[in-house]
């Protein structure tokens, strides 16, 4: 009797652990309408484009004192370091963004 009770408790415990782990790894729901902003990254023959679809503005981070006016998109190419940079400054891989 004790052996059967122990087996039932072990099986119930393993099922409970499996259920908890399964729910912890469940995919999250689709982005909601309450998200602050949306980005769209497009890779094409002419380079890569990061576009702000909703709620933000983007620009390349300044390397000196000059800063470009923020717009809804930035374009560039993959540099030897493996990051996206503008054609005019291959060592600048930083994009700044502002919420609208």
Protein backbone atom coordinates (compact mmCIF):
# COMPACT_ATOMS: atom_id res chain seq x y z
CA UNK A 1 0.00 0.00 0.00
CA UNK A 2 2.77 2.44 0.91
CA UNK A 3 4.65 1.54 -2.28
CA UNK A 4 1.61 2.36 -4.48
CA UNK A 5 1.02 5.64 -2.64
CA UNK A 6 4.66 6.61 -3.13
CA UNK A 7 4.44 5.82 -6.86
CA UNK A 8 1.28 7.92 -7.24
CA UNK A 9 2.93 10.84 -5.43
CA UNK A 10 6.08 10.62 -7.59
CA UNK A 11 4.03 10.49 -10.80
CA UNK A 12 1.84 13.40 -9.66
CA UNK A 13 4.96 15.41 -8.73
CA UNK A 14 6.59 14.78 -12.12
CA UNK A 15 3.39 15.72 -13.94
CA UNK A 16 3.14 18.91 -11.91
CA UNK A 17 6.76 19.86 -12.67
CA UNK A 18 6.21 19.15 -16.37
CA UNK A 19 3.08 21.29 -16.40
CA UNK A 20 4.88 24.22 -14.73
CA UNK A 21 7.86 24.01 -17.11
CA UNK A 22 5.55 23.73 -20.13
CA UNK A 23 3.61 26.85 -19.16
CA UNK A 24 6.79 28.80 -18.37
CA UNK A 25 8.02 28.19 -21.93
CA UNK A 26 4.74 28.90 -23.69
CA UNK A 27 5.04 31.49 -26.47
CA UNK A 28 3.96 35.00 -25.62
CA UNK A 29 1.03 36.58 -27.34
CA UNK A 30 1.34 38.81 -30.39
CA UNK A 31 2.43 42.42 -29.84
CA UNK A 32 -0.40 44.46 -28.46
CA UNK A 33 -1.59 47.85 -29.58
CA UNK A 34 -0.16 49.27 -26.37
CA UNK A 35 3.49 48.88 -27.42
CA UNK A 36 5.37 52.19 -27.57
CA UNK A 37 6.92 51.81 -31.01
CA UNK A 38 7.50 49.42 -33.92
CA UNK A 39 10.60 48.92 -36.07
CA UNK A 40 10.83 47.25 -39.46
CA UNK A 41 14.24 45.99 -40.63
CA UNK A 42 14.59 45.28 -44.35
CA UNK A 43 17.60 43.69 -46.02
CA UNK A 44 17.90 44.36 -49.74
CA UNK A 45 20.44 44.52 -52.54
CA UNK A 46 20.99 48.23 -51.88
CA UNK A 47 21.76 47.69 -48.19
CA UNK A 48 19.82 47.48 -44.97
CA UNK A 49 17.05 49.81 -43.84
CA UNK A 50 15.69 50.27 -40.33
CA UNK A 51 12.33 52.04 -40.48
CA UNK A 52 10.22 53.30 -37.61
CA UNK A 53 6.72 52.14 -38.48
CA UNK A 54 4.99 53.71 -35.48
CA UNK A 55 5.85 55.94 -32.56
CA UNK A 56 9.50 56.91 -33.02
CA UNK A 57 12.19 58.72 -35.01
CA UNK A 58 15.72 57.47 -35.77
CA UNK A 59 19.15 58.87 -36.64
CA UNK A 60 22.76 57.71 -36.66
CA UNK A 61 24.63 58.52 -33.43
CA UNK A 62 27.06 61.41 -33.86
CA UNK A 63 30.79 60.67 -33.89
CA UNK A 64 31.71 64.32 -33.39
CA UNK A 65 29.56 67.35 -32.83
CA UNK A 66 27.28 66.93 -35.85
CA UNK A 67 23.96 65.17 -35.44
CA UNK A 68 21.58 64.42 -38.26
CA UNK A 69 17.95 65.42 -37.93
CA UNK A 70 15.91 62.39 -36.84
CA UNK A 71 13.76 60.78 -39.53
CA UNK A 72 11.57 57.68 -39.75
CA UNK A 73 14.38 55.57 -41.29
CA UNK A 74 18.13 55.00 -41.45
CA UNK A 75 19.93 53.07 -44.19
CA UNK A 76 23.34 51.45 -44.30
CA UNK A 77 25.36 48.34 -45.07
CA UNK A 78 27.02 45.59 -43.06
CA UNK A 79 30.59 46.63 -42.25
CA UNK A 80 33.60 44.32 -41.65
CA UNK A 81 32.74 44.22 -37.92
CA UNK A 82 29.40 42.64 -38.81
CA UNK A 83 27.14 45.52 -37.78
CA UNK A 84 25.05 47.92 -39.83
CA UNK A 85 26.69 51.29 -40.48
CA UNK A 86 26.02 54.23 -42.80
CA UNK A 87 27.86 54.41 -46.13
CA UNK A 88 29.63 57.60 -45.07
CA UNK A 89 31.03 56.25 -41.75
CA UNK A 90 31.80 52.53 -41.67
CA UNK A 91 32.82 52.58 -37.98
CA UNK A 92 29.53 54.07 -36.68
CA UNK A 93 27.15 51.24 -35.75
CA UNK A 94 25.00 53.12 -33.25
CA UNK A 95 21.44 54.24 -34.01
CA UNK A 96 19.68 56.70 -31.74
CA UNK A 97 15.92 56.74 -31.40
CA UNK A 98 13.26 58.98 -29.89
CA UNK A 99 9.67 58.21 -29.06
CA UNK A 100 7.20 60.56 -30.74
